[in-house]
Protein backbone atom coordinates (compact mmCIF):
# COMPACT_ATOMS: atom_id res chain seq x y z
CA MET A 1 81.42 31.44 32.75
CA LYS A 2 83.72 34.41 32.21
CA SER A 3 86.30 32.92 34.59
CA ILE A 4 86.24 29.58 32.77
CA THR A 5 86.74 31.40 29.48
CA GLU A 6 89.69 33.22 31.01
CA MET A 7 91.25 29.93 32.15
CA ILE A 8 90.93 28.44 28.68
CA LYS A 9 92.49 31.55 27.13
CA LYS A 10 95.43 31.52 29.56
CA PHE A 11 95.97 27.79 29.02
CA ARG A 12 96.22 28.24 25.27
CA HIS A 13 98.66 31.15 25.55
CA ALA A 14 100.93 29.49 28.14
CA SER A 15 104.20 27.81 27.23
CA LYS A 16 104.75 25.72 30.41
CA ARG A 17 101.64 24.18 31.98
CA LEU A 18 101.07 22.01 35.05
CA ILE A 19 97.73 20.20 35.36
CA LEU A 20 96.99 18.60 38.76
CA LEU A 21 93.90 16.39 38.80
CA ASP A 22 92.31 14.39 41.59
CA TYR A 23 90.79 11.08 40.46
CA ASP A 24 87.68 9.96 42.39
CA GLY A 25 84.91 12.53 42.35
CA THR A 26 86.83 14.63 39.85
CA LEU A 27 87.56 12.51 36.78
CA VAL A 28 85.30 9.58 37.66
CA ASN A 29 82.16 9.28 39.74
CA PHE A 30 82.32 7.42 43.02
CA ALA A 31 81.53 3.71 42.93
CA PRO A 32 80.61 1.18 45.66
CA THR A 33 84.25 -0.01 45.77
CA PRO A 34 87.47 1.64 44.53
CA GLU A 35 88.02 -1.14 41.99
CA GLU A 36 84.71 -0.33 40.29
CA ALA A 37 85.56 3.33 39.67
CA LEU A 38 87.14 2.66 36.29
CA PRO A 39 88.07 5.51 33.96
CA THR A 40 85.72 5.81 31.00
CA GLN A 41 87.10 5.91 27.48
CA ARG A 42 86.26 9.60 27.50
CA VAL A 43 88.52 10.18 30.52
CA VAL A 44 91.34 8.17 28.98
CA ASP A 45 91.06 10.14 25.73
CA ILE A 46 91.07 13.50 27.56
CA LEU A 47 94.15 12.60 29.60
CA ALA A 48 95.98 11.20 26.60
CA LYS A 49 95.30 14.36 24.61
CA LEU A 50 96.47 16.61 27.45
CA CYS A 51 99.66 14.57 27.76
CA THR A 52 100.49 15.15 24.10
CA CYS A 53 99.91 18.91 24.32
CA PRO A 54 103.34 20.61 23.99
CA GLY A 55 104.67 22.11 27.20
CA THR A 56 102.03 20.41 29.36
CA ARG A 57 102.73 18.21 32.38
CA VAL A 58 99.76 16.19 33.65
CA VAL A 59 99.75 14.81 37.19
CA ILE A 60 97.06 12.69 38.85
CA ILE A 61 97.16 13.56 42.57
CA THR A 62 95.05 11.18 44.63
CA GLY A 63 94.57 9.43 47.92
CA ARG A 64 94.44 6.08 46.17
CA SER A 65 97.11 3.45 46.70
CA ARG A 66 100.02 3.21 44.30
CA THR A 67 98.83 -0.13 42.92
CA GLY A 68 95.21 1.01 42.74
CA ILE A 69 95.78 4.13 40.66
CA GLU A 70 98.46 2.42 38.56
CA ALA A 71 95.87 -0.18 37.54
CA MET A 72 93.50 2.59 36.43
CA ILE A 73 95.68 5.02 34.46
CA GLY A 74 99.26 3.74 34.75
CA HIS A 75 99.47 3.08 31.02
CA LEU A 76 99.25 6.80 30.24
CA SER A 77 102.29 9.07 29.90
CA LEU A 78 101.60 11.14 32.98
CA ASP A 79 102.94 11.51 36.51
CA ILE A 80 101.09 10.24 39.58
CA VAL A 81 101.01 11.29 43.21
CA ALA A 82 99.37 8.59 45.34
CA GLU A 83 98.37 8.24 48.99
CA HIS A 84 98.10 12.02 49.46
CA GLY A 85 101.72 12.61 48.50
CA ALA A 86 103.42 9.67 50.23
CA VAL A 87 104.47 8.05 46.96
CA MET A 88 105.03 9.47 43.48
CA LYS A 89 105.49 8.15 39.97
CA LEU A 90 107.74 10.61 38.15
CA ASN A 91 109.04 9.96 34.65
CA GLY A 92 107.79 6.39 34.85
CA GLU A 93 109.46 5.48 38.16
CA TRP A 94 107.80 5.14 41.56
CA LYS A 95 109.49 6.55 44.64
CA TYR A 96 108.45 7.00 48.25
CA THR A 97 108.50 10.52 49.62
CA VAL A 98 107.45 9.53 53.15
CA LEU A 99 109.51 7.26 55.34
CA THR A 100 107.66 6.18 58.46
CA ALA A 101 107.28 3.17 60.71
CA ASP A 102 104.00 1.32 60.39
CA SER A 103 103.77 0.05 63.96
CA TRP A 104 100.57 2.09 64.29
CA LYS A 105 98.73 -0.02 61.74
CA ASN A 106 97.88 -2.93 64.04
CA LYS A 107 96.20 -0.65 66.59
CA ILE A 108 94.24 1.20 63.93
CA LEU A 109 93.36 -1.98 62.07
CA GLY A 110 91.81 -3.48 65.18
CA LEU A 111 89.49 -0.51 65.58
CA LEU A 112 88.50 -0.56 61.92
CA GLN A 113 87.80 -4.29 62.02
CA ASP A 114 85.41 -3.76 64.93
CA TYR A 115 83.44 -1.30 62.83
CA VAL A 116 83.41 -3.61 59.81
CA ALA A 117 81.94 -6.30 62.06
CA ASN A 118 79.23 -3.98 63.38
CA VAL A 119 78.40 -1.83 60.35
CA PRO A 120 77.04 -3.95 57.46
CA GLY A 121 78.41 -3.02 54.05
CA SER A 122 81.57 -1.35 55.33
CA PHE A 123 85.06 -2.60 54.50
CA ILE A 124 88.75 -1.79 54.96
CA GLU A 125 91.23 -0.77 52.27
CA LYS A 126 94.91 -1.27 53.15
CA LYS A 127 97.57 0.98 51.62
CA ASP A 128 101.29 1.42 52.16
CA PHE A 129 100.89 4.55 54.28
CA ALA A 130 97.20 4.51 55.14
CA LEU A 131 94.22 2.47 56.25
CA THR A 132 90.77 3.40 54.99
CA TRP A 133 87.33 2.46 56.30
CA HIS A 134 84.77 2.68 53.48
CA TYR A 135 81.07 3.03 54.25
CA ARG A 136 79.64 4.07 50.88
CA GLN A 137 77.50 0.93 50.75
CA CYS A 138 76.06 1.44 54.24
CA ASP A 139 72.75 2.95 55.23
CA GLY A 140 73.26 6.70 54.96
CA LYS A 141 72.43 7.75 58.51
CA ALA A 142 73.90 4.68 60.21
CA GLY A 143 77.15 5.04 58.27
CA THR A 144 77.46 8.73 59.13
CA VAL A 145 76.85 8.12 62.83
CA ALA A 146 79.34 5.24 62.88
CA ALA A 147 81.95 7.36 61.09
CA ALA A 148 81.70 10.08 63.73
CA GLU A 149 82.06 7.51 66.51
CA LEU A 150 85.01 5.89 64.79
CA ILE A 151 86.83 9.19 64.33
CA ALA A 152 86.45 9.92 68.05
CA GLN A 153 87.97 6.53 68.89
CA LEU A 154 90.80 6.95 66.40
CA MET A 155 91.99 10.33 67.62
CA PRO A 156 93.94 9.18 70.72
CA VAL A 157 95.96 6.68 68.67
CA ALA A 158 96.38 9.20 65.86
CA ASN A 159 97.74 11.78 68.29
CA GLU A 160 100.09 9.24 69.85
CA TYR A 161 101.61 8.27 66.48
CA ARG A 162 101.26 11.70 64.83
CA LEU A 163 98.82 10.47 62.22
CA LYS A 164 96.11 12.28 60.29
CA VAL A 165 92.47 11.19 60.44
CA ILE A 166 90.59 12.23 57.31
CA ASP A 167 86.81 12.47 57.35
CA GLY A 168 86.36 12.06 53.60
CA ASN A 169 83.54 11.34 51.17
CA ARG A 170 81.96 8.24 52.78
CA ILE A 171 85.36 7.15 54.08
CA VAL A 172 87.41 7.53 57.24
CA GLU A 173 91.10 7.37 56.47
CA VAL A 174 94.14 7.26 58.73
CA VAL A 175 97.33 8.35 57.00
CA ALA A 176 100.95 9.00 57.90
CA GLY A 177 101.15 12.47 59.41
CA ASN A 178 103.61 13.79 56.85
CA SER A 179 101.46 12.79 53.86
CA ASP A 180 100.05 16.01 52.46
CA LYS A 181 98.57 16.81 49.05
CA GLY A 182 99.37 20.47 49.56
CA LYS A 183 103.08 19.89 50.10
CA ALA A 184 103.24 17.50 47.17
CA ALA A 185 101.44 19.90 44.84
CA LEU A 186 103.62 22.85 45.85
CA GLN A 187 106.77 20.79 45.36
CA LEU A 188 105.69 19.93 41.83
CA ALA A 189 104.65 23.50 41.06
CA GLN A 190 108.05 24.85 42.08
CA GLN A 191 110.07 22.44 39.96
CA GLN A 192 109.73 24.59 36.83
CA ALA A 193 108.73 28.12 35.89
CA TYR A 194 105.15 27.25 34.97
CA ASP A 195 103.10 30.09 33.49
CA PHE A 196 99.84 28.14 33.90
CA ILE A 197 98.89 25.86 36.80
CA LEU A 198 95.52 24.17 37.16
CA ALA A 199 94.43 22.08 40.14
CA ILE A 200 91.05 20.33 40.35
CA GLY A 201 89.69 18.22 43.21
CA ASP A 202 86.55 17.49 45.19
CA ASP A 203 87.41 16.33 48.70
CA LYS A 204 88.79 17.74 51.95
CA THR A 205 92.37 16.71 51.19
CA ASP A 206 92.18 18.73 47.98
CA GLU A 207 91.66 21.81 50.12
CA ASP A 208 95.29 21.42 51.26
CA MET A 209 96.29 21.55 47.61
CA PHE A 210 94.18 24.62 46.89
CA ALA A 211 95.54 26.47 49.91
CA ALA A 212 99.16 25.63 49.10
CA LEU A 213 98.87 26.83 45.50
CA ARG A 214 96.65 29.83 46.09
CA GLU A 215 99.38 32.48 46.07
CA LEU A 216 101.24 31.21 43.01
CA PRO A 217 100.97 33.37 39.88
CA SER A 218 98.90 32.06 36.97
CA CYS A 219 97.37 29.36 39.17
CA PHE A 220 93.72 28.32 38.90
CA THR A 221 92.03 26.06 41.44
CA ILE A 222 88.65 24.36 41.04
CA LYS A 223 86.57 22.53 43.61
CA VAL A 224 84.09 19.95 42.33
CA GLY A 225 80.83 20.03 44.26
CA LYS A 226 79.21 22.25 46.85
CA GLY A 227 80.56 23.66 50.09
CA GLU A 228 83.08 26.20 51.30
CA THR A 229 86.45 25.98 49.64
CA ALA A 230 89.88 27.57 49.32
CA ALA A 231 89.61 27.09 45.55
CA GLY A 232 89.04 30.08 43.31
CA HIS A 233 86.31 28.40 41.26
CA GLN A 234 83.73 25.64 41.60
CA MET A 235 82.18 23.12 39.24
CA VAL A 236 79.07 21.08 39.85
CA ASN A 237 80.16 17.55 39.02
CA VAL A 238 82.46 15.22 37.08
CA GLN A 239 80.67 15.87 33.81
CA GLU A 240 81.35 19.59 34.03
CA VAL A 241 85.04 18.90 34.72
CA LEU A 242 85.35 16.63 31.70
CA LEU A 243 83.62 19.13 29.45
CA PHE A 244 86.02 21.85 30.64
CA LEU A 245 89.08 19.66 30.07
CA GLU A 246 87.85 18.86 26.57
CA GLN A 247 87.52 22.58 25.86
CA ILE A 248 91.06 23.44 26.86
């Protein structure tokens, strides 16, 4: 609790703040499908209040697609990093930061479609720079076993096209190799002389962000959930994150 108190104190005394927040599993609980993970009014109010705090820049940094996250919180006056850094919304305008051919998608899509056909409850999400196989609605053990098998089959194609295969929270995602939350977060952090930086996330891709920011002065990193982490602090769940954000 002392460390949380220290973070709140430093936030209030800072003049230039950068707040980097993951979305799913951090601000909202996971839902059966991405479209169902809507922000609560509480989340919207917290983000809106942070955005109006003088000297504070709020960025949602997520693996979601540009259109998906825009539909959720695009009406707020904040910046967005989508698809693990491949596309950004800065000052109200979207721009791509990754330029890559998508010839790999057909090969990957075929593999994913085979698993959708054989694993009831699973489905595919298509993004500009990624393809995601979701198995949150599948039987726990069967989904986990299938995910491991799928990853093994994906690796040869991923290596051929220099892609990343992410074993996420009840998802398997294939993304452009130069998409990286860590690089995106560090780029944002170095744009101004911030005297307070806060990054919160729950999944494996957020570990890239924590590691990239770890050595920056006045930077605090928080992992949501259990497990080993490069973050300096941990919180139990979404509710604890929201309570903390309300306090600062």
